[in-house]
Amino acid sequence: MWDGAELWLRKAAGPLLLGLFVMALAVAREHWWLPLRVLVLLAGAAGVVACGAETWKLIRGRESTTTALDRLEAEAGAREDR
C-alpha cells in the first residue's frame, strides 16, 4: 500500500504542489498586469491538470507499483552515474 503512495508522491505530487504555488502567486500579486496574472493562473491550473493526468495513468496502468518504483530508482541511479 505504501508503495502506491510513494509512487504517487514521486510522480504526481510535484506538479500538484507547483501548480498550487503558481496559482497562489497569481492570486496574491494584485499589482501585476491582469493578462499576466491570468496567464500565470492558467499555468498553475495546467500543473494541477497534469497531476490529475498522472494520477489517472498510475491508477489505470498495468504495471505493478513495485515494478514502477524499481524502474524510477534505476533511472535516478543512471542519471547520477553520468
Protein backbone atom coordinates (compact mmCIF):
# COMPACT_ATOMS: atom_id res chain seq x y z
CA MET A 1 0.00 0.00 0.00
CA TRP A 2 2.75 2.46 0.89
CA ASP A 3 4.47 1.74 -2.41
CA GLY A 4 1.49 3.28 -4.19
CA ALA A 5 1.64 6.38 -2.01
CA GLU A 6 5.38 6.73 -2.60
CA LEU A 7 4.93 6.33 -6.34
CA TRP A 8 2.20 8.98 -6.38
CA LEU A 9 4.38 11.35 -4.35
CA ARG A 10 7.26 10.91 -6.77
CA LYS A 11 5.31 11.21 -10.00
CA ALA A 12 2.24 13.37 -9.35
CA ALA A 13 2.73 15.43 -6.20
CA GLY A 14 5.39 17.65 -7.75
CA PRO A 15 3.15 19.07 -10.50
CA LEU A 16 0.32 19.42 -7.98
CA LEU A 17 2.36 21.43 -5.49
CA LEU A 18 3.99 23.53 -8.20
CA GLY A 19 0.61 24.25 -9.79
CA LEU A 20 -0.93 25.28 -6.48
CA PHE A 21 2.05 27.52 -5.69
CA VAL A 22 1.87 29.23 -9.09
CA MET A 23 -1.89 29.74 -8.78
CA ALA A 24 -1.47 31.23 -5.30
CA LEU A 25 1.24 33.53 -6.66
CA ALA A 26 -1.08 34.77 -9.40
CA VAL A 27 -3.87 35.49 -6.92
CA ALA A 28 -1.60 37.17 -4.37
CA ARG A 29 0.06 39.63 -6.76
CA GLU A 30 -2.54 42.37 -7.11
CA HIS A 31 -0.19 44.90 -8.68
CA TRP A 32 0.63 42.64 -11.66
CA TRP A 33 -0.83 43.39 -15.06
CA LEU A 34 -4.13 41.46 -15.34
CA PRO A 35 -3.33 39.43 -18.51
CA LEU A 36 -0.07 38.32 -16.87
CA ARG A 37 -1.95 37.21 -13.76
CA VAL A 38 -4.40 35.25 -15.90
CA LEU A 39 -1.55 33.54 -17.78
CA VAL A 40 0.19 32.60 -14.54
CA LEU A 41 -3.10 31.32 -13.13
CA LEU A 42 -3.64 29.19 -16.25
CA ALA A 43 -0.10 27.83 -15.98
CA GLY A 44 -0.84 26.77 -12.41
CA ALA A 45 -4.09 25.17 -13.48
CA ALA A 46 -2.16 23.25 -16.15
CA GLY A 47 0.09 21.87 -13.39
CA VAL A 48 -2.94 20.69 -11.43
CA VAL A 49 -4.38 19.07 -14.55
CA ALA A 50 -1.01 17.37 -15.17
CA CYS A 51 -1.21 15.93 -11.66
CA GLY A 52 -4.67 14.58 -12.41
CA ALA A 53 -3.49 13.05 -15.68
CA GLU A 54 -0.50 11.40 -13.99
CA THR A 55 -2.72 10.08 -11.20
CA TRP A 56 -5.07 8.63 -13.82
CA LYS A 57 -2.14 6.93 -15.56
CA LEU A 58 -0.97 5.46 -12.25
CA ILE A 59 -4.43 4.15 -11.40
CA ARG A 60 -5.13 2.72 -14.84
CA GLY A 61 -1.60 1.44 -15.52
CA ARG A 62 -0.95 -2.26 -15.96
CA GLU A 63 2.47 -2.08 -14.28
CA SER A 64 2.68 -3.07 -10.63
CA THR A 65 3.65 -0.43 -8.12
CA THR A 66 6.84 -2.13 -7.00
CA THR A 67 7.98 -2.56 -10.61
CA ALA A 68 7.32 1.12 -11.35
CA LEU A 69 9.25 2.18 -8.23
CA ASP A 70 12.18 -0.07 -9.17
CA ARG A 71 12.22 1.45 -12.66
CA LEU A 72 12.18 5.01 -11.24
CA GLU A 73 15.05 4.22 -8.89
CA ALA A 74 17.05 2.65 -11.73
CA GLU A 75 16.51 5.76 -13.87
CA ALA A 76 17.59 8.00 -10.98
CA GLY A 77 20.71 5.87 -10.46
CA ALA A 78 21.57 6.08 -14.15
CA ARG A 79 21.29 9.89 -14.06
CA GLU A 80 23.57 10.09 -11.04
CA ASP A 81 26.21 7.90 -12.72
CA ARG A 82 26.58 10.32 -15.64
